[in-house]
Amino acid sequence: MRQLLSSSGVTPWLLPTMVLWPLAAAAIVRVAGRDASREESVGAAPTDGIDARVLTLAALTLEALLGVALWCLTDPDIGGWQFRVDVPWLTDIGATFSLGVDGLS
């Protein structure tokens, strides 16, 4: 499994996606989702849009799959940071967007 994931090239974008996906998913649920629980209690006809609970479940499932992929790719025998990402953010003050995994517990 590790070979397949490594050869597919997911390593550089896996960790930033795990951080940014919940934010994007929350925006998608807010814009495209509808509150079906309120409609069920009132007895009103459903409005347009997908049930927000279904969208949230899909977003959480994708996040879990990304976590499993990260777990499969992590090598416990390697010391130090793995999947390190350093992106310049505010260059005027020297700030960078840095992520990395230093073991899973």
N, C-alpha and C. Protein backbone atom coordinates (compact mmCIF):
# COMPACT_ATOMS: atom_id res chain seq x y z
N MET A 1 0.83 -1.19 0.00
CA MET A 1 0.00 0.00 0.00
C MET A 1 0.87 1.26 0.00
N ARG A 2 1.96 1.19 0.78
CA ARG A 2 2.85 2.34 0.86
C ARG A 2 3.47 2.66 -0.49
N GLN A 3 3.87 1.61 -1.23
CA GLN A 3 4.46 1.80 -2.56
C GLN A 3 3.47 2.45 -3.51
N LEU A 4 2.24 1.98 -3.49
CA LEU A 4 1.22 2.53 -4.38
C LEU A 4 0.96 4.00 -4.09
N LEU A 5 0.83 4.34 -2.83
CA LEU A 5 0.58 5.74 -2.47
C LEU A 5 1.79 6.62 -2.76
N SER A 6 2.98 6.10 -2.49
CA SER A 6 4.19 6.88 -2.76
C SER A 6 4.36 7.15 -4.25
N SER A 7 4.07 6.15 -5.06
CA SER A 7 4.25 6.31 -6.50
C SER A 7 3.17 7.20 -7.12
N SER A 8 2.04 7.36 -6.44
CA SER A 8 0.97 8.19 -6.99
C SER A 8 1.22 9.69 -6.79
N GLY A 9 2.19 10.05 -5.98
CA GLY A 9 2.55 11.45 -5.82
C GLY A 9 1.68 12.23 -4.85
N VAL A 10 1.10 11.56 -3.85
CA VAL A 10 0.23 12.27 -2.91
C VAL A 10 1.01 12.93 -1.78
N THR A 11 2.27 12.58 -1.62
CA THR A 11 3.04 13.06 -0.48
C THR A 11 3.13 14.58 -0.37
N PRO A 12 3.39 15.34 -1.45
CA PRO A 12 3.55 16.78 -1.28
C PRO A 12 2.27 17.52 -0.89
N TRP A 13 1.11 17.02 -1.26
CA TRP A 13 -0.11 17.77 -1.00
C TRP A 13 -1.01 17.15 0.06
N LEU A 14 -0.61 16.02 0.63
CA LEU A 14 -1.48 15.32 1.58
C LEU A 14 -1.71 16.11 2.87
N LEU A 15 -0.67 16.58 3.50
CA LEU A 15 -0.81 17.30 4.77
C LEU A 15 -1.52 18.64 4.60
N PRO A 16 -1.17 19.48 3.61
CA PRO A 16 -1.94 20.72 3.44
C PRO A 16 -3.41 20.47 3.13
N THR A 17 -3.71 19.40 2.40
CA THR A 17 -5.10 19.08 2.11
C THR A 17 -5.85 18.69 3.38
N MET A 18 -5.18 17.97 4.28
CA MET A 18 -5.83 17.59 5.54
C MET A 18 -6.13 18.80 6.41
N VAL A 19 -5.35 19.85 6.27
CA VAL A 19 -5.59 21.05 7.05
C VAL A 19 -6.67 21.92 6.40
N LEU A 20 -6.61 22.06 5.07
CA LEU A 20 -7.51 22.99 4.39
C LEU A 20 -8.85 22.38 3.99
N TRP A 21 -8.94 21.07 3.83
CA TRP A 21 -10.19 20.44 3.40
C TRP A 21 -11.36 20.72 4.36
N PRO A 22 -11.20 20.62 5.67
CA PRO A 22 -12.35 20.91 6.54
C PRO A 22 -12.89 22.33 6.37
N LEU A 23 -12.02 23.28 6.11
CA LEU A 23 -12.49 24.66 5.88
C LEU A 23 -13.29 24.76 4.58
N ALA A 24 -12.77 24.13 3.53
CA ALA A 24 -13.48 24.14 2.26
C ALA A 24 -14.80 23.37 2.36
N ALA A 25 -14.79 22.24 3.06
CA ALA A 25 -15.99 21.44 3.22
C ALA A 25 -17.06 22.20 4.01
N ALA A 26 -16.64 22.94 5.02
CA ALA A 26 -17.60 23.73 5.80
C ALA A 26 -18.27 24.78 4.92
N ALA A 27 -17.50 25.41 4.04
CA ALA A 27 -18.08 26.39 3.12
C ALA A 27 -19.05 25.72 2.15
N ILE A 28 -18.69 24.53 1.67
CA ILE A 28 -19.57 23.81 0.74
C ILE A 28 -20.88 23.42 1.43
N VAL A 29 -20.78 22.93 2.67
CA VAL A 29 -21.98 22.54 3.41
C VAL A 29 -22.85 23.77 3.67
N ARG A 30 -22.23 24.87 3.98
CA ARG A 30 -23.00 26.11 4.27
C ARG A 30 -23.72 26.61 3.02
N VAL A 31 -23.06 26.56 1.87
CA VAL A 31 -23.64 27.10 0.64
C VAL A 31 -24.61 26.12 -0.01
N ALA A 32 -24.22 24.84 -0.09
CA ALA A 32 -25.01 23.88 -0.85
C ALA A 32 -25.96 23.03 -0.01
N GLY A 33 -25.75 23.01 1.30
CA GLY A 33 -26.55 22.13 2.14
C GLY A 33 -27.86 22.77 2.58
N ARG A 34 -28.80 21.90 2.93
CA ARG A 34 -30.06 22.38 3.49
C ARG A 34 -30.28 21.66 4.80
N ASP A 35 -31.02 22.29 5.70
CA ASP A 35 -31.30 21.74 7.02
C ASP A 35 -32.55 20.88 6.94
N ALA A 36 -32.37 19.60 6.67
CA ALA A 36 -33.51 18.69 6.51
C ALA A 36 -34.19 18.40 7.83
N SER A 37 -33.50 18.49 8.94
CA SER A 37 -34.12 18.20 10.23
C SER A 37 -35.21 19.22 10.56
N ARG A 38 -35.00 20.45 10.20
CA ARG A 38 -36.00 21.49 10.44
C ARG A 38 -37.23 21.25 9.56
N GLU A 39 -36.98 20.84 8.32
CA GLU A 39 -38.10 20.58 7.40
C GLU A 39 -38.91 19.37 7.84
N GLU A 40 -38.23 18.35 8.38
CA GLU A 40 -38.92 17.15 8.82
C GLU A 40 -39.82 17.44 10.02
N SER A 41 -39.37 18.30 10.93
CA SER A 41 -40.16 18.58 12.12
C SER A 41 -41.36 19.47 11.80
N VAL A 42 -41.24 20.33 10.83
CA VAL A 42 -42.33 21.22 10.46
C VAL A 42 -43.27 20.55 9.47
N GLY A 43 -42.76 19.58 8.73
CA GLY A 43 -43.57 18.91 7.72
C GLY A 43 -43.58 19.63 6.39
N ALA A 44 -42.67 20.55 6.22
CA ALA A 44 -42.60 21.31 4.97
C ALA A 44 -41.95 20.47 3.87
N ALA A 45 -42.22 20.82 2.66
CA ALA A 45 -41.60 20.14 1.52
C ALA A 45 -40.13 20.52 1.47
N PRO A 46 -39.25 19.57 1.10
CA PRO A 46 -37.83 19.87 1.04
C PRO A 46 -37.52 20.95 0.01
N THR A 47 -36.59 21.80 0.36
CA THR A 47 -36.13 22.83 -0.57
C THR A 47 -34.99 22.26 -1.39
N ASP A 48 -34.51 23.06 -2.31
CA ASP A 48 -33.40 22.61 -3.15
C ASP A 48 -32.14 22.48 -2.32
N GLY A 49 -31.31 21.57 -2.73
CA GLY A 49 -30.03 21.36 -2.05
C GLY A 49 -29.95 19.98 -1.46
N ILE A 50 -28.74 19.60 -1.13
CA ILE A 50 -28.47 18.29 -0.53
C ILE A 50 -28.52 18.45 0.97
N ASP A 51 -29.00 17.41 1.63
CA ASP A 51 -29.06 17.41 3.09
C ASP A 51 -27.66 17.71 3.65
N ALA A 52 -27.57 18.67 4.55
CA ALA A 52 -26.28 19.07 5.11
C ALA A 52 -25.62 17.93 5.86
N ARG A 53 -26.41 17.04 6.45
CA ARG A 53 -25.84 15.90 7.16
C ARG A 53 -25.12 14.95 6.20
N VAL A 54 -25.67 14.77 5.02
CA VAL A 54 -25.03 13.91 4.01
C VAL A 54 -23.73 14.54 3.52
N LEU A 55 -23.76 15.83 3.27
CA LEU A 55 -22.53 16.52 2.84
C LEU A 55 -21.45 16.45 3.92
N THR A 56 -21.85 16.63 5.16
CA THR A 56 -20.89 16.58 6.26
C THR A 56 -20.30 15.18 6.41
N LEU A 57 -21.14 14.16 6.27
CA LEU A 57 -20.64 12.79 6.34
C LEU A 57 -19.66 12.51 5.21
N ALA A 58 -19.94 12.99 4.02
CA ALA A 58 -19.02 12.82 2.89
C ALA A 58 -17.69 13.52 3.15
N ALA A 59 -17.75 14.74 3.71
CA ALA A 59 -16.53 15.48 4.00
C ALA A 59 -15.71 14.77 5.07
N LEU A 60 -16.36 14.25 6.11
CA LEU A 60 -15.65 13.55 7.16
C LEU A 60 -15.06 12.23 6.66
N THR A 61 -15.75 11.57 5.75
CA THR A 61 -15.23 10.33 5.17
C THR A 61 -13.98 10.60 4.36
N LEU A 62 -13.99 11.67 3.57
CA LEU A 62 -12.81 12.02 2.80
C LEU A 62 -11.64 12.37 3.72
N GLU A 63 -11.91 13.10 4.80
CA GLU A 63 -10.86 13.45 5.76
C GLU A 63 -10.29 12.19 6.42
N ALA A 64 -11.15 11.23 6.73
CA ALA A 64 -10.68 9.97 7.32
C ALA A 64 -9.81 9.20 6.32
N LEU A 65 -10.21 9.17 5.06
CA LEU A 65 -9.41 8.48 4.04
C LEU A 65 -8.03 9.14 3.88
N LEU A 66 -8.00 10.46 3.94
CA LEU A 66 -6.71 11.16 3.89
C LEU A 66 -5.85 10.79 5.10
N GLY A 67 -6.47 10.68 6.27
CA GLY A 67 -5.74 10.29 7.47
C GLY A 67 -5.20 8.88 7.38
N VAL A 68 -5.98 7.97 6.82
CA VAL A 68 -5.51 6.59 6.63
C VAL A 68 -4.34 6.57 5.63
N ALA A 69 -4.43 7.36 4.58
CA ALA A 69 -3.33 7.43 3.62
C ALA A 69 -2.07 7.96 4.28
N LEU A 70 -2.20 8.98 5.12
CA LEU A 70 -1.05 9.52 5.84
C LEU A 70 -0.46 8.47 6.77
N TRP A 71 -1.32 7.74 7.45
CA TRP A 71 -0.86 6.69 8.36
C TRP A 71 -0.12 5.60 7.59
N CYS A 72 -0.63 5.22 6.42
CA CYS A 72 0.02 4.19 5.61
C CYS A 72 1.38 4.65 5.10
N LEU A 73 1.51 5.91 4.81
CA LEU A 73 2.77 6.43 4.26
C LEU A 73 3.82 6.73 5.32
N THR A 74 3.40 6.90 6.56
CA THR A 74 4.34 7.24 7.63
C THR A 74 5.25 6.05 7.92
N ASP A 75 6.55 6.33 7.96
CA ASP A 75 7.54 5.30 8.25
C ASP A 75 8.04 5.51 9.68
N PRO A 76 7.69 4.63 10.62
CA PRO A 76 8.08 4.82 12.02
C PRO A 76 9.58 4.68 12.25
N ASP A 77 10.29 4.10 11.32
CA ASP A 77 11.73 3.91 11.48
C ASP A 77 12.53 5.17 11.16
N ILE A 78 11.90 6.12 10.51
CA ILE A 78 12.59 7.37 10.15
C ILE A 78 12.39 8.37 11.28
N GLY A 79 13.48 8.92 11.77
CA GLY A 79 13.40 9.95 12.79
C GLY A 79 13.22 11.32 12.18
N GLY A 80 12.71 12.24 12.93
CA GLY A 80 12.54 13.61 12.45
C GLY A 80 11.22 13.82 11.73
N TRP A 81 11.15 14.92 11.00
CA TRP A 81 9.92 15.31 10.33
C TRP A 81 9.70 14.53 9.05
N GLN A 82 8.46 14.13 8.82
CA GLN A 82 8.07 13.50 7.57
C GLN A 82 6.98 14.36 6.94
N PHE A 83 6.86 14.29 5.64
CA PHE A 83 5.85 15.04 4.87
C PHE A 83 5.97 16.54 5.11
N ARG A 84 7.16 17.02 5.28
CA ARG A 84 7.37 18.43 5.59
C ARG A 84 7.02 19.30 4.40
N VAL A 85 6.28 20.38 4.69
CA VAL A 85 5.88 21.36 3.68
C VAL A 85 6.23 22.74 4.21
N ASP A 86 7.01 23.50 3.46
CA ASP A 86 7.35 24.87 3.82
C ASP A 86 7.02 25.77 2.64
N VAL A 87 6.07 26.67 2.85
CA VAL A 87 5.65 27.58 1.79
C VAL A 87 5.78 29.00 2.32
N PRO A 88 6.49 29.89 1.60
CA PRO A 88 6.55 31.29 2.04
C PRO A 88 5.15 31.89 2.06
N TRP A 89 4.85 32.61 3.13
CA TRP A 89 3.51 33.15 3.28
C TRP A 89 3.55 34.68 3.27
N LEU A 90 4.06 35.27 4.31
CA LEU A 90 4.25 36.73 4.36
C LEU A 90 5.75 36.99 4.29
N THR A 91 6.23 37.15 3.07
CA THR A 91 7.67 37.24 2.86
C THR A 91 8.28 38.51 3.46
N ASP A 92 7.50 39.56 3.59
CA ASP A 92 8.03 40.81 4.14
C ASP A 92 8.47 40.64 5.59
N ILE A 93 7.79 39.79 6.34
CA ILE A 93 8.16 39.60 7.74
C ILE A 93 8.80 38.23 7.97
N GLY A 94 9.00 37.47 6.91
CA GLY A 94 9.68 36.18 7.02
C GLY A 94 8.79 35.05 7.52
N ALA A 95 7.47 35.19 7.44
CA ALA A 95 6.57 34.14 7.91
C ALA A 95 6.40 33.08 6.83
N THR A 96 6.35 31.82 7.27
CA THR A 96 6.14 30.71 6.36
C THR A 96 5.01 29.83 6.87
N PHE A 97 4.38 29.12 5.95
CA PHE A 97 3.38 28.12 6.27
C PHE A 97 4.11 26.79 6.32
N SER A 98 4.31 26.23 7.51
CA SER A 98 5.09 25.02 7.67
C SER A 98 4.26 23.93 8.33
N LEU A 99 4.30 22.76 7.74
CA LEU A 99 3.62 21.59 8.29
C LEU A 99 4.56 20.41 8.25
N GLY A 100 4.37 19.48 9.16
CA GLY A 100 5.15 18.25 9.16
C GLY A 100 4.61 17.29 10.18
N VAL A 101 4.95 16.02 10.02
CA VAL A 101 4.54 14.99 10.96
C VAL A 101 5.78 14.47 11.66
N ASP A 102 5.74 14.45 12.98
CA ASP A 102 6.85 13.96 13.76
C ASP A 102 6.40 12.78 14.61
N GLY A 103 5.88 11.77 13.95
CA GLY A 103 5.39 10.59 14.65
C GLY A 103 3.91 10.71 14.95
N LEU A 104 3.27 9.57 15.01
CA LEU A 104 1.85 9.52 15.32
C LEU A 104 1.67 8.76 16.61
N SER A 105 0.82 9.29 17.48
CA SER A 105 0.60 8.59 18.75
C SER A 105 -0.88 8.49 19.04
